[in-house]
Every structure is written in C-alpha cells, then in structure tokens.
C-alpha cells in the first residue's frame, strides 16, 4: 500500500481580482512485485490522486471549488538489483 497527503494551490497571472486558497488532497494506491529472477523484477502499481483548491473573487467574495481526480497505472516499472555480499 502507498499513501500520501498533499496540498495544492493555483499560481495566478493577470488575474488581480482572484485569490487562490490552499486545498488539501490525498493519494492512495498499491503495488505488487513480479520477481522474474533473483535480480530482476517488475513492479506494477495503481495510484488514485485527489487534489483540491478554492478560487475566490476578491470583488464579490464568490468562491469556486476546483477538484482534480486522476489515476496512474504503471505496468512497466523495472527494477534491476545488483548487490554484493560483504563477509
């Protein structure tokens, strides 16, 4: 299992009447390991992301909540392990 907490915000250019408020989000997911040999494995993973931020209009105080959902599926992460045993 994997997990993280995050914060997100907007960088505003040429929008003097708007203000961005920091929002909170999270990522959760999991991974597996397919060992093909002693030193070579595949590690597919699936991650689900959620991010949130609020835009506020400074002139009238109206707020718009932006939410971002995404998924990330990695099937070809390859790990090659080369180590030496020290006696």
N, C-alpha and C. Protein backbone atom coordinates (compact mmCIF):
# COMPACT_ATOMS: atom_id res chain seq x y z
N UNK A 1 0.84 -1.19 0.00
CA UNK A 1 0.00 0.00 0.00
C UNK A 1 0.88 1.25 0.00
N UNK A 2 0.36 2.27 -0.63
CA UNK A 2 1.02 3.57 -0.64
C UNK A 2 0.00 4.62 -0.27
N UNK A 3 0.45 5.69 0.33
CA UNK A 3 -0.44 6.79 0.65
C UNK A 3 0.35 8.07 0.88
N UNK A 4 -0.30 9.20 0.64
CA UNK A 4 0.33 10.49 0.89
C UNK A 4 -0.75 11.54 1.09
N UNK A 5 -0.39 12.59 1.75
CA UNK A 5 -1.25 13.77 1.87
C UNK A 5 -0.57 14.89 1.09
N UNK A 6 -1.36 15.77 0.47
CA UNK A 6 -0.77 16.85 -0.31
C UNK A 6 -1.60 18.11 -0.17
N UNK A 7 -1.02 19.21 -0.59
CA UNK A 7 -1.71 20.49 -0.68
C UNK A 7 -1.54 21.02 -2.09
N UNK A 8 -2.51 21.77 -2.57
CA UNK A 8 -2.41 22.33 -3.92
C UNK A 8 -2.96 23.74 -3.93
N UNK A 9 -2.46 24.52 -4.88
CA UNK A 9 -2.80 25.92 -4.98
C UNK A 9 -2.63 26.32 -6.44
N UNK A 10 -3.18 27.46 -6.83
CA UNK A 10 -3.02 27.97 -8.19
C UNK A 10 -2.05 29.14 -8.19
N UNK A 11 -1.24 29.23 -9.22
CA UNK A 11 -0.41 30.41 -9.46
C UNK A 11 -1.19 31.27 -10.45
N UNK A 12 -1.54 32.47 -10.03
CA UNK A 12 -2.41 33.33 -10.83
C UNK A 12 -1.61 34.43 -11.52
N UNK A 13 -1.69 34.49 -12.83
CA UNK A 13 -1.08 35.55 -13.62
C UNK A 13 -2.20 36.34 -14.29
N UNK A 14 -2.10 37.64 -14.27
CA UNK A 14 -3.08 38.52 -14.93
C UNK A 14 -4.50 38.32 -14.40
N UNK A 15 -4.64 37.95 -13.16
CA UNK A 15 -5.96 37.79 -12.54
C UNK A 15 -5.93 38.49 -11.19
N UNK A 16 -5.82 39.82 -11.22
CA UNK A 16 -5.65 40.59 -9.99
C UNK A 16 -6.86 40.52 -9.07
N UNK A 17 -8.05 40.27 -9.61
CA UNK A 17 -9.25 40.23 -8.77
C UNK A 17 -9.53 38.84 -8.21
N UNK A 18 -8.64 37.87 -8.46
CA UNK A 18 -8.84 36.50 -7.97
C UNK A 18 -7.79 36.14 -6.93
N UNK A 19 -8.18 35.27 -6.01
CA UNK A 19 -7.28 34.78 -4.97
C UNK A 19 -7.42 33.27 -4.89
N UNK A 20 -6.31 32.58 -4.78
CA UNK A 20 -6.33 31.12 -4.66
C UNK A 20 -6.09 30.72 -3.21
N UNK A 21 -6.91 29.81 -2.72
CA UNK A 21 -6.76 29.31 -1.35
C UNK A 21 -6.22 27.88 -1.41
N UNK A 22 -5.33 27.60 -0.50
CA UNK A 22 -4.70 26.29 -0.42
C UNK A 22 -5.74 25.22 -0.11
N UNK A 23 -5.68 24.10 -0.84
CA UNK A 23 -6.58 22.98 -0.59
C UNK A 23 -5.80 21.72 -0.25
N UNK A 24 -6.48 20.76 0.31
CA UNK A 24 -5.83 19.52 0.73
C UNK A 24 -6.31 18.35 -0.13
N UNK A 25 -5.46 17.36 -0.25
CA UNK A 25 -5.80 16.19 -1.05
C UNK A 25 -5.06 14.97 -0.54
N UNK A 26 -5.18 13.89 -1.31
CA UNK A 26 -4.54 12.64 -0.91
C UNK A 26 -4.28 11.76 -2.13
N UNK A 27 -3.35 10.86 -1.96
CA UNK A 27 -3.06 9.83 -2.95
C UNK A 27 -3.05 8.49 -2.23
N UNK A 28 -3.74 7.51 -2.80
CA UNK A 28 -3.71 6.15 -2.25
C UNK A 28 -3.49 5.18 -3.40
N UNK A 29 -2.98 4.03 -3.08
CA UNK A 29 -2.76 3.04 -4.12
C UNK A 29 -2.02 1.83 -3.58
N UNK A 30 -1.60 1.03 -4.50
CA UNK A 30 -0.88 -0.17 -4.12
C UNK A 30 0.00 -0.65 -5.24
N UNK A 31 0.85 -1.57 -4.93
CA UNK A 31 1.75 -2.13 -5.94
C UNK A 31 1.97 -3.61 -5.65
N UNK A 32 2.45 -4.29 -6.64
CA UNK A 32 2.78 -5.70 -6.49
C UNK A 32 4.16 -5.95 -7.06
N UNK A 33 4.71 -7.08 -6.80
CA UNK A 33 6.03 -7.42 -7.31
C UNK A 33 5.96 -8.75 -8.04
N UNK A 34 6.48 -8.76 -9.24
CA UNK A 34 6.59 -10.00 -10.02
C UNK A 34 8.07 -10.27 -10.20
N UNK A 35 8.58 -11.20 -9.44
CA UNK A 35 10.01 -11.50 -9.49
C UNK A 35 10.28 -12.46 -10.64
N UNK A 36 11.08 -12.01 -11.59
CA UNK A 36 11.39 -12.82 -12.76
C UNK A 36 12.68 -13.60 -12.59
N UNK A 37 13.58 -13.09 -11.78
CA UNK A 37 14.81 -13.79 -11.44
C UNK A 37 15.30 -13.24 -10.11
N UNK A 38 16.45 -13.68 -9.67
CA UNK A 38 16.98 -13.24 -8.38
C UNK A 38 17.22 -11.73 -8.35
N UNK A 39 17.63 -11.15 -9.47
CA UNK A 39 18.00 -9.74 -9.50
C UNK A 39 17.12 -8.89 -10.43
N UNK A 40 16.00 -9.42 -10.91
CA UNK A 40 15.19 -8.68 -11.87
C UNK A 40 13.72 -8.86 -11.54
N UNK A 41 12.98 -7.74 -11.42
CA UNK A 41 11.57 -7.84 -11.08
C UNK A 41 10.78 -6.74 -11.78
N UNK A 42 9.49 -6.98 -11.95
CA UNK A 42 8.54 -5.97 -12.41
C UNK A 42 7.72 -5.54 -11.21
N UNK A 43 7.39 -4.25 -11.14
CA UNK A 43 6.60 -3.75 -10.02
C UNK A 43 5.47 -2.86 -10.56
N UNK A 44 4.35 -3.47 -10.98
CA UNK A 44 3.20 -2.65 -11.42
C UNK A 44 2.55 -1.97 -10.23
N UNK A 45 1.99 -0.75 -10.47
CA UNK A 45 1.32 -0.04 -9.39
C UNK A 45 0.12 0.73 -9.92
N UNK A 46 -0.84 0.98 -9.03
CA UNK A 46 -2.02 1.76 -9.34
C UNK A 46 -2.15 2.83 -8.25
N UNK A 47 -2.24 4.11 -8.67
CA UNK A 47 -2.39 5.21 -7.73
C UNK A 47 -3.61 6.03 -8.08
N UNK A 48 -4.36 6.45 -7.09
CA UNK A 48 -5.52 7.32 -7.26
C UNK A 48 -5.22 8.65 -6.57
N UNK A 49 -5.33 9.75 -7.32
CA UNK A 49 -5.00 11.08 -6.81
C UNK A 49 -6.26 11.92 -6.64
N UNK A 50 -6.31 12.71 -5.58
CA UNK A 50 -7.35 13.72 -5.38
C UNK A 50 -6.68 15.00 -4.91
N UNK A 51 -6.94 16.10 -5.62
CA UNK A 51 -6.41 17.40 -5.23
C UNK A 51 -7.56 18.40 -5.22
N UNK A 52 -7.41 19.43 -4.40
CA UNK A 52 -8.50 20.38 -4.19
C UNK A 52 -7.90 21.77 -3.99
N UNK A 53 -8.55 22.79 -4.53
CA UNK A 53 -8.17 24.18 -4.30
C UNK A 53 -9.41 25.05 -4.51
N UNK A 54 -9.40 26.23 -3.90
CA UNK A 54 -10.54 27.14 -4.00
C UNK A 54 -10.07 28.46 -4.61
N UNK A 55 -10.84 28.96 -5.59
CA UNK A 55 -10.58 30.28 -6.18
C UNK A 55 -11.64 31.23 -5.64
N UNK A 56 -11.19 32.39 -5.19
CA UNK A 56 -12.11 33.39 -4.63
C UNK A 56 -12.02 34.68 -5.44
N UNK A 57 -13.16 35.22 -5.79
CA UNK A 57 -13.24 36.51 -6.47
C UNK A 57 -13.19 37.60 -5.39
N UNK A 58 -12.14 38.43 -5.40
CA UNK A 58 -11.96 39.45 -4.37
C UNK A 58 -13.03 40.54 -4.43
N UNK A 59 -13.65 40.75 -5.59
CA UNK A 59 -14.62 41.84 -5.73
C UNK A 59 -15.96 41.52 -5.07
N UNK A 60 -16.41 40.26 -5.15
CA UNK A 60 -17.72 39.93 -4.59
C UNK A 60 -17.69 38.77 -3.59
N UNK A 61 -16.53 38.16 -3.37
CA UNK A 61 -16.40 37.09 -2.38
C UNK A 61 -16.89 35.72 -2.83
N UNK A 62 -17.33 35.59 -4.10
CA UNK A 62 -17.76 34.28 -4.60
C UNK A 62 -16.58 33.32 -4.66
N UNK A 63 -16.84 32.06 -4.32
CA UNK A 63 -15.80 31.04 -4.33
C UNK A 63 -16.19 29.90 -5.27
N UNK A 64 -15.19 29.36 -5.94
CA UNK A 64 -15.37 28.19 -6.80
C UNK A 64 -14.39 27.12 -6.32
N UNK A 65 -14.89 25.94 -6.05
CA UNK A 65 -14.08 24.82 -5.57
C UNK A 65 -13.65 23.98 -6.77
N UNK A 66 -12.34 23.85 -6.98
CA UNK A 66 -11.80 23.02 -8.05
C UNK A 66 -11.33 21.70 -7.45
N UNK A 67 -11.80 20.61 -8.03
CA UNK A 67 -11.38 19.28 -7.58
C UNK A 67 -10.77 18.53 -8.76
N UNK A 68 -9.71 17.81 -8.48
CA UNK A 68 -8.97 17.10 -9.51
C UNK A 68 -8.85 15.64 -9.08
N UNK A 69 -9.36 14.75 -9.90
CA UNK A 69 -9.24 13.31 -9.67
C UNK A 69 -8.44 12.71 -10.83
N UNK A 70 -7.54 11.81 -10.54
CA UNK A 70 -6.81 11.13 -11.61
C UNK A 70 -6.36 9.76 -11.12
N UNK A 71 -6.00 8.95 -12.07
CA UNK A 71 -5.45 7.63 -11.75
C UNK A 71 -4.17 7.44 -12.54
N UNK A 72 -3.26 6.73 -11.96
CA UNK A 72 -1.97 6.46 -12.58
C UNK A 72 -1.75 4.96 -12.52
N UNK A 73 -1.56 4.35 -13.66
CA UNK A 73 -1.32 2.91 -13.72
C UNK A 73 0.03 2.68 -14.39
N UNK A 74 0.93 2.09 -13.67
CA UNK A 74 2.27 1.80 -14.17
C UNK A 74 2.40 0.28 -14.28
N UNK A 75 2.66 -0.18 -15.47
CA UNK A 75 2.81 -1.63 -15.67
C UNK A 75 4.24 -2.05 -15.95
N UNK A 76 5.09 -1.09 -16.25
CA UNK A 76 6.42 -1.44 -16.74
C UNK A 76 7.56 -0.89 -15.90
N UNK A 77 7.33 -0.68 -14.63
CA UNK A 77 8.43 -0.26 -13.78
C UNK A 77 9.36 -1.45 -13.58
N UNK A 78 10.58 -1.29 -13.98
CA UNK A 78 11.55 -2.39 -13.93
C UNK A 78 12.62 -2.05 -12.90
N UNK A 79 12.89 -2.96 -12.02
CA UNK A 79 13.94 -2.77 -11.04
C UNK A 79 15.00 -3.84 -11.24
N UNK A 80 16.22 -3.38 -11.35
CA UNK A 80 17.36 -4.28 -11.51
C UNK A 80 18.22 -4.15 -10.27
N UNK A 81 18.43 -5.23 -9.60
CA UNK A 81 19.18 -5.20 -8.35
C UNK A 81 20.52 -5.90 -8.55
N UNK A 82 21.59 -5.18 -8.28
CA UNK A 82 22.93 -5.74 -8.35
C UNK A 82 23.63 -5.45 -7.04
N UNK A 83 23.80 -6.42 -6.23
CA UNK A 83 24.43 -6.20 -4.95
C UNK A 83 25.53 -7.22 -4.70
N UNK A 84 26.38 -6.90 -3.79
CA UNK A 84 27.48 -7.79 -3.44
C UNK A 84 27.38 -8.11 -1.96
N UNK A 85 27.58 -9.35 -1.64
CA UNK A 85 27.54 -9.79 -0.26
C UNK A 85 28.88 -9.51 0.40
N UNK A 86 28.86 -8.81 1.53
CA UNK A 86 30.09 -8.48 2.26
C UNK A 86 30.19 -9.45 3.44
N UNK A 87 31.33 -10.10 3.54
CA UNK A 87 31.54 -11.06 4.64
C UNK A 87 32.28 -10.44 5.78
